[in-house]
Amino acid sequence: MAGLFASGQIVWLLLGFMVVEAVALTLYRRRTGSGVAAGALLINLLSGGSLLLALHAALIGEDWRVVGVWLGSSLVAHLADLRQRWVSRYCATTGNVTATAQPIASALPIAATNGLPVRR
């Protein structure tokens, strides 16, 4: 087990689990119409995947700049995730429906959608 960490191979195993998770959540969304929207899922997985790649770079002794690039990309994805969540929360509380908040729109009453079509 120590060899998995020392070589960085543990990261590839974890990334594989993330791919399985993404496929499972996407299939669930397609079958039921509920669950995590594809865009929100992608942003979340990009953030986590970037952190794992930063860990991999550190474990195998890459230059600090490589680790920094992966950490920076994780930060960008994390900030995009936060923005998406705050916009969705704002739209859900005010009844304002925008293109970035379409996953939340299906939970709103018809009157709150201002006559805009809602994707279900």
N, C-alpha and C. Protein backbone atom coordinates (compact mmCIF):
# COMPACT_ATOMS: atom_id res chain seq x y z
N MET A 1 0.82 -1.19 0.00
CA MET A 1 0.00 0.00 0.00
C MET A 1 0.87 1.26 0.00
N ALA A 2 1.97 1.23 0.70
CA ALA A 2 2.87 2.39 0.74
C ALA A 2 3.41 2.69 -0.65
N GLY A 3 3.58 1.65 -1.45
CA GLY A 3 4.08 1.84 -2.81
C GLY A 3 3.10 2.62 -3.68
N LEU A 4 1.80 2.42 -3.45
CA LEU A 4 0.79 3.17 -4.20
C LEU A 4 0.92 4.67 -3.96
N PHE A 5 1.21 5.03 -2.72
CA PHE A 5 1.36 6.45 -2.38
C PHE A 5 2.69 6.99 -2.86
N ALA A 6 3.75 6.24 -2.65
CA ALA A 6 5.08 6.72 -3.02
C ALA A 6 5.20 6.93 -4.53
N SER A 7 4.53 6.09 -5.31
CA SER A 7 4.61 6.21 -6.77
C SER A 7 3.56 7.16 -7.35
N GLY A 8 2.60 7.54 -6.53
CA GLY A 8 1.53 8.40 -7.02
C GLY A 8 0.41 7.64 -7.70
N GLN A 9 0.51 6.32 -7.76
CA GLN A 9 -0.51 5.51 -8.43
C GLN A 9 -1.87 5.58 -7.74
N ILE A 10 -1.87 5.89 -6.47
CA ILE A 10 -3.14 6.02 -5.74
C ILE A 10 -4.03 7.08 -6.38
N VAL A 11 -3.41 8.11 -6.93
CA VAL A 11 -4.17 9.19 -7.56
C VAL A 11 -4.93 8.67 -8.77
N TRP A 12 -4.29 7.83 -9.57
CA TRP A 12 -4.96 7.29 -10.76
C TRP A 12 -6.13 6.40 -10.36
N LEU A 13 -5.99 5.67 -9.26
CA LEU A 13 -7.08 4.86 -8.75
C LEU A 13 -8.26 5.75 -8.33
N LEU A 14 -7.96 6.81 -7.61
CA LEU A 14 -9.01 7.72 -7.18
C LEU A 14 -9.67 8.44 -8.35
N LEU A 15 -8.88 8.83 -9.36
CA LEU A 15 -9.46 9.44 -10.55
C LEU A 15 -10.39 8.47 -11.28
N GLY A 16 -10.02 7.20 -11.27
CA GLY A 16 -10.89 6.17 -11.85
C GLY A 16 -12.22 6.09 -11.12
N PHE A 17 -12.18 6.16 -9.80
CA PHE A 17 -13.42 6.18 -9.02
C PHE A 17 -14.27 7.41 -9.36
N MET A 18 -13.60 8.52 -9.59
CA MET A 18 -14.33 9.74 -9.96
C MET A 18 -15.04 9.58 -11.31
N VAL A 19 -14.39 8.91 -12.25
CA VAL A 19 -15.02 8.66 -13.56
C VAL A 19 -16.25 7.77 -13.39
N VAL A 20 -16.12 6.72 -12.59
CA VAL A 20 -17.26 5.84 -12.32
C VAL A 20 -18.39 6.64 -11.67
N GLU A 21 -18.07 7.49 -10.72
CA GLU A 21 -19.06 8.33 -10.06
C GLU A 21 -19.77 9.24 -11.07
N ALA A 22 -19.00 9.86 -11.95
CA ALA A 22 -19.58 10.76 -12.96
C ALA A 22 -20.53 10.01 -13.88
N VAL A 23 -20.14 8.83 -14.33
CA VAL A 23 -21.00 8.04 -15.21
C VAL A 23 -22.27 7.64 -14.47
N ALA A 24 -22.14 7.19 -13.23
CA ALA A 24 -23.30 6.77 -12.45
C ALA A 24 -24.27 7.93 -12.23
N LEU A 25 -23.75 9.10 -11.86
CA LEU A 25 -24.61 10.25 -11.61
C LEU A 25 -25.27 10.75 -12.90
N THR A 26 -24.55 10.69 -14.00
CA THR A 26 -25.12 11.11 -15.29
C THR A 26 -26.23 10.16 -15.72
N LEU A 27 -26.00 8.86 -15.58
CA LEU A 27 -27.04 7.87 -15.92
C LEU A 27 -28.27 8.04 -15.02
N TYR A 28 -28.04 8.28 -13.75
CA TYR A 28 -29.15 8.49 -12.83
C TYR A 28 -29.97 9.72 -13.25
N ARG A 29 -29.28 10.78 -13.61
CA ARG A 29 -29.97 12.01 -14.03
C ARG A 29 -30.79 11.77 -15.29
N ARG A 30 -30.23 11.02 -16.24
CA ARG A 30 -30.94 10.74 -17.49
C ARG A 30 -32.17 9.87 -17.27
N ARG A 31 -32.07 8.93 -16.35
CA ARG A 31 -33.18 8.01 -16.11
C ARG A 31 -34.28 8.62 -15.27
N THR A 32 -33.91 9.43 -14.29
CA THR A 32 -34.92 9.94 -13.35
C THR A 32 -35.29 11.40 -13.58
N GLY A 33 -34.42 12.15 -14.24
CA GLY A 33 -34.67 13.57 -14.43
C GLY A 33 -34.33 14.41 -13.21
N SER A 34 -33.84 13.77 -12.17
CA SER A 34 -33.42 14.51 -10.98
C SER A 34 -31.96 14.19 -10.69
N GLY A 35 -31.41 14.89 -9.76
CA GLY A 35 -30.00 14.68 -9.45
C GLY A 35 -29.17 15.88 -9.87
N VAL A 36 -27.89 15.69 -9.93
CA VAL A 36 -26.95 16.77 -10.23
C VAL A 36 -26.95 17.05 -11.72
N ALA A 37 -27.06 18.32 -12.08
CA ALA A 37 -27.00 18.72 -13.49
C ALA A 37 -25.58 18.50 -14.02
N ALA A 38 -25.48 18.24 -15.30
CA ALA A 38 -24.20 17.91 -15.92
C ALA A 38 -23.16 19.01 -15.73
N GLY A 39 -23.56 20.25 -15.90
CA GLY A 39 -22.61 21.35 -15.75
C GLY A 39 -22.07 21.47 -14.34
N ALA A 40 -22.95 21.36 -13.37
CA ALA A 40 -22.53 21.44 -11.97
C ALA A 40 -21.63 20.26 -11.61
N LEU A 41 -21.95 19.10 -12.13
CA LEU A 41 -21.13 17.92 -11.87
C LEU A 41 -19.74 18.08 -12.47
N LEU A 42 -19.67 18.57 -13.68
CA LEU A 42 -18.39 18.75 -14.35
C LEU A 42 -17.50 19.74 -13.59
N ILE A 43 -18.07 20.85 -13.18
CA ILE A 43 -17.29 21.84 -12.44
C ILE A 43 -16.76 21.24 -11.14
N ASN A 44 -17.60 20.50 -10.44
CA ASN A 44 -17.20 19.89 -9.19
C ASN A 44 -16.09 18.86 -9.41
N LEU A 45 -16.23 18.04 -10.44
CA LEU A 45 -15.22 17.03 -10.73
C LEU A 45 -13.91 17.65 -11.19
N LEU A 46 -13.97 18.76 -11.91
CA LEU A 46 -12.75 19.45 -12.32
C LEU A 46 -11.97 19.95 -11.11
N SER A 47 -12.69 20.48 -10.14
CA SER A 47 -12.03 20.96 -8.93
C SER A 47 -11.34 19.82 -8.18
N GLY A 48 -12.07 18.76 -7.95
CA GLY A 48 -11.50 17.62 -7.24
C GLY A 48 -10.40 16.93 -8.02
N GLY A 49 -10.60 16.79 -9.32
CA GLY A 49 -9.58 16.15 -10.16
C GLY A 49 -8.29 16.95 -10.19
N SER A 50 -8.41 18.27 -10.23
CA SER A 50 -7.22 19.12 -10.21
C SER A 50 -6.46 18.98 -8.89
N LEU A 51 -7.20 18.88 -7.79
CA LEU A 51 -6.53 18.67 -6.51
C LEU A 51 -5.79 17.33 -6.48
N LEU A 52 -6.42 16.31 -7.04
CA LEU A 52 -5.75 15.01 -7.08
C LEU A 52 -4.50 15.06 -7.96
N LEU A 53 -4.57 15.77 -9.07
CA LEU A 53 -3.38 15.87 -9.93
C LEU A 53 -2.28 16.70 -9.27
N ALA A 54 -2.65 17.67 -8.44
CA ALA A 54 -1.65 18.40 -7.65
C ALA A 54 -0.98 17.46 -6.65
N LEU A 55 -1.78 16.61 -6.03
CA LEU A 55 -1.24 15.61 -5.11
C LEU A 55 -0.29 14.67 -5.84
N HIS A 56 -0.69 14.22 -7.01
CA HIS A 56 0.17 13.32 -7.80
C HIS A 56 1.50 13.98 -8.12
N ALA A 57 1.43 15.24 -8.56
CA ALA A 57 2.66 15.95 -8.90
C ALA A 57 3.57 16.07 -7.67
N ALA A 58 2.99 16.35 -6.52
CA ALA A 58 3.79 16.47 -5.30
C ALA A 58 4.38 15.12 -4.89
N LEU A 59 3.59 14.05 -5.01
CA LEU A 59 4.07 12.73 -4.60
C LEU A 59 5.23 12.24 -5.45
N ILE A 60 5.21 12.57 -6.74
CA ILE A 60 6.28 12.07 -7.61
C ILE A 60 7.44 13.06 -7.73
N GLY A 61 7.37 14.16 -7.00
CA GLY A 61 8.48 15.09 -6.95
C GLY A 61 8.57 16.05 -8.12
N GLU A 62 7.44 16.38 -8.71
CA GLU A 62 7.44 17.37 -9.79
C GLU A 62 7.85 18.74 -9.25
N ASP A 63 8.22 19.60 -10.16
CA ASP A 63 8.58 20.97 -9.81
C ASP A 63 7.40 21.65 -9.12
N TRP A 64 7.68 22.55 -8.21
CA TRP A 64 6.62 23.23 -7.46
C TRP A 64 5.67 23.99 -8.36
N ARG A 65 6.16 24.42 -9.53
CA ARG A 65 5.29 25.16 -10.44
C ARG A 65 4.19 24.27 -11.03
N VAL A 66 4.49 23.00 -11.25
CA VAL A 66 3.48 22.06 -11.75
C VAL A 66 2.39 21.89 -10.69
N VAL A 67 2.80 21.71 -9.46
CA VAL A 67 1.84 21.60 -8.36
C VAL A 67 1.00 22.88 -8.29
N GLY A 68 1.64 24.02 -8.44
CA GLY A 68 0.93 25.30 -8.39
C GLY A 68 -0.08 25.46 -9.51
N VAL A 69 0.25 24.98 -10.70
CA VAL A 69 -0.70 25.06 -11.82
C VAL A 69 -1.95 24.24 -11.52
N TRP A 70 -1.75 23.02 -10.99
CA TRP A 70 -2.91 22.18 -10.66
C TRP A 70 -3.73 22.78 -9.53
N LEU A 71 -3.06 23.35 -8.54
CA LEU A 71 -3.79 24.00 -7.45
C LEU A 71 -4.55 25.22 -7.96
N GLY A 72 -3.94 25.97 -8.85
CA GLY A 72 -4.61 27.14 -9.43
C GLY A 72 -5.82 26.75 -10.26
N SER A 73 -5.70 25.68 -11.03
CA SER A 73 -6.86 25.24 -11.83
C SER A 73 -7.98 24.74 -10.92
N SER A 74 -7.61 24.14 -9.80
CA SER A 74 -8.62 23.70 -8.84
C SER A 74 -9.34 24.90 -8.24
N LEU A 75 -8.59 25.95 -7.95
CA LEU A 75 -9.19 27.17 -7.40
C LEU A 75 -10.18 27.78 -8.39
N VAL A 76 -9.80 27.85 -9.65
CA VAL A 76 -10.69 28.41 -10.67
C VAL A 76 -11.99 27.60 -10.76
N ALA A 77 -11.86 26.28 -10.78
CA ALA A 77 -13.06 25.42 -10.85
C ALA A 77 -13.89 25.58 -9.58
N HIS A 78 -13.24 25.69 -8.44
CA HIS A 78 -13.97 25.85 -7.17
C HIS A 78 -14.74 27.17 -7.16
N LEU A 79 -14.11 28.24 -7.62
CA LEU A 79 -14.80 29.53 -7.67
C LEU A 79 -15.98 29.50 -8.65
N ALA A 80 -15.82 28.79 -9.77
CA ALA A 80 -16.93 28.64 -10.71
C ALA A 80 -18.07 27.86 -10.08
N ASP A 81 -17.74 26.84 -9.29
CA ASP A 81 -18.76 26.06 -8.59
C ASP A 81 -19.51 26.93 -7.58
N LEU A 82 -18.77 27.72 -6.81
CA LEU A 82 -19.41 28.62 -5.85
C LEU A 82 -20.32 29.62 -6.54
N ARG A 83 -19.86 30.19 -7.64
CA ARG A 83 -20.68 31.15 -8.37
C ARG A 83 -21.97 30.50 -8.85
N GLN A 84 -21.86 29.31 -9.40
CA GLN A 84 -23.04 28.61 -9.91
C GLN A 84 -24.02 28.33 -8.78
N ARG A 85 -23.52 27.94 -7.63
CA ARG A 85 -24.41 27.65 -6.50
C ARG A 85 -25.08 28.92 -5.98
N TRP A 86 -24.33 30.02 -5.88
CA TRP A 86 -24.92 31.26 -5.39
C TRP A 86 -25.94 31.81 -6.36
N VAL A 87 -25.67 31.73 -7.65
CA VAL A 87 -26.65 32.20 -8.64
C VAL A 87 -27.91 31.36 -8.56
N SER A 88 -27.75 30.06 -8.43
CA SER A 88 -28.91 29.17 -8.31
C SER A 88 -29.71 29.48 -7.06
N ARG A 89 -29.03 29.71 -5.95
CA ARG A 89 -29.72 30.01 -4.69
C ARG A 89 -30.45 31.35 -4.80
N TYR A 90 -29.80 32.35 -5.41
CA TYR A 90 -30.45 33.66 -5.59
C TYR A 90 -31.70 33.52 -6.43
N CYS A 91 -31.60 32.76 -7.52
CA CYS A 91 -32.75 32.60 -8.41
C CYS A 91 -33.87 31.83 -7.73
N ALA A 92 -33.52 30.87 -6.89
CA ALA A 92 -34.54 30.09 -6.19
C ALA A 92 -35.28 30.93 -5.15
N THR A 93 -34.58 31.85 -4.52
CA THR A 93 -35.23 32.65 -3.48
C THR A 93 -35.99 33.84 -4.04
N THR A 94 -35.58 34.35 -5.20
CA THR A 94 -36.24 35.53 -5.77
C THR A 94 -37.24 35.18 -6.86
N GLY A 95 -37.18 33.96 -7.35
CA GLY A 95 -38.05 33.59 -8.46
C GLY A 95 -37.49 34.01 -9.80
N ASN A 96 -36.31 34.59 -9.80
CA ASN A 96 -35.63 35.00 -11.01
C ASN A 96 -35.01 33.77 -11.67
N VAL A 97 -35.29 33.52 -12.93
CA VAL A 97 -34.76 32.34 -13.60
C VAL A 97 -33.82 32.81 -14.70
N THR A 98 -32.58 32.34 -14.64
CA THR A 98 -31.60 32.66 -15.67
C THR A 98 -31.07 31.38 -16.27
N ALA A 99 -30.32 31.50 -17.34
CA ALA A 99 -29.77 30.32 -18.01
C ALA A 99 -28.85 29.54 -17.08
N THR A 100 -28.12 30.22 -16.19
CA THR A 100 -27.20 29.51 -15.30
C THR A 100 -27.93 28.79 -14.19
N ALA A 101 -29.19 29.08 -13.98
CA ALA A 101 -29.92 28.47 -12.88
C ALA A 101 -31.00 27.51 -13.38
N GLN A 102 -30.93 27.06 -14.60
CA GLN A 102 -31.94 26.17 -15.13
C GLN A 102 -32.15 24.90 -14.31
N PRO A 103 -31.10 24.27 -13.72
CA PRO A 103 -31.36 23.08 -12.91
C PRO A 103 -32.30 23.35 -11.73
N ILE A 104 -32.25 24.54 -11.15
CA ILE A 104 -33.11 24.89 -10.03
C ILE A 104 -34.52 25.20 -10.51
N ALA A 105 -34.67 25.66 -11.74
CA ALA A 105 -35.96 26.15 -12.23
C ALA A 105 -37.05 25.10 -12.15
N SER A 106 -36.72 23.83 -12.29
CA SER A 106 -37.75 22.81 -12.26
C SER A 106 -38.40 22.70 -10.87
N ALA A 107 -37.74 23.20 -9.84
CA ALA A 107 -38.30 23.15 -8.49
C ALA A 107 -39.19 24.36 -8.20
N LEU A 108 -39.17 25.35 -9.09
CA LEU A 108 -39.97 26.55 -8.86
C LEU A 108 -41.39 26.37 -9.37
N PRO A 109 -42.35 27.04 -8.76
CA PRO A 109 -43.71 27.02 -9.29
C PRO A 109 -43.73 27.66 -10.68
N ILE A 110 -44.70 27.26 -11.49
CA ILE A 110 -44.81 27.77 -12.86
C ILE A 110 -44.87 29.29 -12.87
N ALA A 111 -45.61 29.90 -11.96
CA ALA A 111 -45.75 31.36 -11.94
C ALA A 111 -44.41 32.04 -11.70
N ALA A 112 -43.51 31.39 -10.98
CA ALA A 112 -42.23 32.01 -10.67
C ALA A 112 -41.26 31.97 -11.83
N THR A 113 -41.57 31.24 -12.88
CA THR A 113 -40.65 31.14 -14.01
C THR A 113 -40.85 32.26 -15.01
N ASN A 114 -41.77 33.16 -14.74
CA ASN A 114 -42.03 34.31 -15.61
C ASN A 114 -42.36 33.89 -17.03
N GLY A 115 -42.99 32.76 -17.19
CA GLY A 115 -43.41 32.30 -18.51
C GLY A 115 -42.30 31.71 -19.34
N LEU A 116 -41.08 31.60 -18.79
CA LEU A 116 -39.97 31.03 -19.55
C LEU A 116 -40.11 29.51 -19.58
N PRO A 117 -39.70 28.88 -20.67
CA PRO A 117 -39.76 27.41 -20.70
C PRO A 117 -38.76 26.83 -19.70
N VAL A 118 -39.17 25.79 -19.03
CA VAL A 118 -38.34 25.14 -18.03
C VAL A 118 -38.00 23.76 -18.52
N ARG A 119 -36.72 23.47 -18.57
CA ARG A 119 -36.25 22.14 -18.99
C ARG A 119 -36.37 21.18 -17.81
N ARG A 120 -37.05 20.08 -18.03
CA ARG A 120 -37.22 19.09 -16.95
C ARG A 120 -36.47 17.84 -17.28
